[in-house]
């Protein structure tokens, strides 16, 4: 930060405010504290018959890789609304009957991923502006070596494991911790 959005001062410093325990950007003129908090990513495993909806990314990061429809939650919407909106934006698809499925903390990138399961209405989808391609896939169809993000890989693996387990889909949550490079440790709770 270079300027205070409250008073216009250019004297912004990084310090631990009184009564706090973390460094924050603080305006030296008016004392305004600017908090930077994790971003919530909401998405959906959209199910149709024995398949799920996958999207091939048309944007960075990970252009050309496959993912579930998901994206950043917006102000003034619920997580359900964010998951449904992202599914519509990325795959022009409507989802119904959303139920919470996974929640993973990704502290290394300041994100929390919240994924729902839902019914893909009429099994209809087509690429939105953020997708090159969309496809309904079974577990065997998933291009496992082309998955965009480790948290999506984890979510898919849990989903198909639960599906093989008499479709006993219980809430899954944990932390995805970066060890080094592309290696992660997943702590499930």
Foldseek 3Di string as FASTA:
>chain_A
DQADPPPGDRQWDFDADPPGDHTFTAHPPPGDTDDDAFWEKAAEQADDDQWTKKFQFCDDDLHRFIFGQMGTDDPPDDSVVRHQVSCCQAWVWGWDDWDWFEWEAEVVRRYIYTYTYTYTPVPDTFGHPGGPGMDIDHPVRHPLVRHRDPVRNVSVVLQVVCVVVVVPGDHKYFYWYDDDDRDTDTDTD
